Each structure stands twice: as C-alpha cells, then as structure tokens.
C-alpha cells in the first residue's frame, strides 16, 4: 500500500491458533503490525494494534489502529 506522498506501507496480521500445528485459526485474538518505509527502504515508523483473546479479530480495524499509531510517530494528524 502507498500513501499519498508515495511512502510505502506494509501490513502484517498475526492470528492465534488453537494448537502448535497451526491448522485451526481462532476467531479471537491476534495483532496487526504496520511499517512505514521511506524512499530508501528504511523503516520510518512502526505501529501495532493488539486484539485481546476475548475479542473478535477484525483485520480492517487492526490495520486502521496500527496505521494511525505509525503515522502519529511521523507527526501526521
């Protein structure tokens, strides 16, 4: 994903599983990490959102929260 100024944004979603075989993904819990990269490939900011194990996981909401936290580090409002 790219922002209006051409800055690249990468999003990583991590989900919880019910066992070590990673065959069954749980509907609750997890986290989302957003990294904002500059033109030279250097990480400018990182944001993370965490979903508690008793909350339903939502990729869109997690991405929005994590992106907002990363952009806040860059001084965006």
Protein backbone atom coordinates (compact mmCIF):
# COMPACT_ATOMS: atom_id res chain seq x y z
CA UNK A 1 0.00 0.00 0.00
CA UNK A 2 1.25 3.50 -0.75
CA UNK A 3 0.32 6.78 0.91
CA UNK A 4 -0.45 9.98 -0.99
CA UNK A 5 3.18 11.14 -0.76
CA UNK A 6 4.49 7.84 -2.22
CA UNK A 7 5.60 6.42 1.12
CA UNK A 8 5.26 2.61 1.20
CA UNK A 9 3.29 0.90 3.97
CA UNK A 10 3.48 -2.81 4.80
CA UNK A 11 0.89 -4.54 6.96
CA UNK A 12 1.32 -7.86 8.78
CA UNK A 13 -1.55 -9.63 10.55
CA UNK A 14 -0.79 -12.29 13.17
CA UNK A 15 -3.54 -14.59 14.35
CA UNK A 16 -3.84 -17.00 17.26
CA UNK A 17 -4.13 -20.76 16.68
CA UNK A 18 -5.56 -23.43 18.94
CA UNK A 19 -2.56 -25.77 18.72
CA UNK A 20 1.06 -25.95 17.60
CA UNK A 21 0.22 -27.46 14.20
CA UNK A 22 -1.28 -24.10 13.09
CA UNK A 23 -4.20 -25.85 11.40
CA UNK A 24 -7.09 -24.16 13.23
CA UNK A 25 -7.14 -20.36 13.42
CA UNK A 26 -9.06 -18.89 16.34
CA UNK A 27 -11.69 -16.21 15.63
CA UNK A 28 -10.50 -14.17 18.60
CA UNK A 29 -7.18 -12.52 19.48
CA UNK A 30 -4.18 -11.52 17.40
CA UNK A 31 -2.27 -8.42 16.41
CA UNK A 32 -1.51 -6.20 13.41
CA UNK A 33 1.82 -4.50 12.69
CA UNK A 34 2.24 -1.63 10.21
CA UNK A 35 5.63 -0.43 8.98
CA UNK A 36 6.08 2.82 7.04
CA UNK A 37 9.11 2.90 4.72
CA UNK A 38 10.93 5.89 3.26
CA UNK A 39 12.20 6.17 -0.30
CA UNK A 40 15.48 4.45 0.59
CA UNK A 41 13.73 1.41 2.14
CA UNK A 42 14.44 2.50 5.71
CA UNK A 43 11.68 1.97 8.30
CA UNK A 44 10.43 5.42 9.33
CA UNK A 45 7.72 4.36 11.79
CA UNK A 46 6.03 1.27 13.21
CA UNK A 47 2.57 0.91 14.71
CA UNK A 48 0.90 -2.07 16.36
CA UNK A 49 -2.61 -2.94 17.45
CA UNK A 50 -3.39 -5.88 19.69
CA UNK A 51 -6.65 -7.77 19.98
CA UNK A 52 -7.29 -9.47 23.31
CA UNK A 53 -8.02 -13.21 23.28
CA UNK A 54 -11.64 -12.49 24.27
CA UNK A 55 -12.24 -10.00 21.39
CA UNK A 56 -13.23 -10.89 17.82
CA UNK A 57 -10.33 -10.20 15.44
CA UNK A 58 -11.00 -7.66 12.68
CA UNK A 59 -8.29 -7.02 10.07
CA UNK A 60 -9.68 -3.64 8.97
CA UNK A 61 -9.92 -2.21 12.47
CA UNK A 62 -6.48 -3.56 13.40
CA UNK A 63 -4.94 -2.02 10.27
CA UNK A 64 -6.56 1.37 10.92
CA UNK A 65 -5.39 1.50 14.55
CA UNK A 66 -1.84 0.35 13.74
CA UNK A 67 -1.55 2.75 10.78
CA UNK A 68 -2.81 5.64 12.93
CA UNK A 69 -0.16 4.88 15.55
CA UNK A 70 2.60 4.73 12.93
CA UNK A 71 1.51 7.99 11.31
CA UNK A 72 1.34 9.65 14.71
CA UNK A 73 5.07 8.88 15.13
CA UNK A 74 5.64 10.78 11.88
CA UNK A 75 3.69 13.79 13.10
CA UNK A 76 0.60 13.25 10.93
CA UNK A 77 -2.81 14.12 12.34
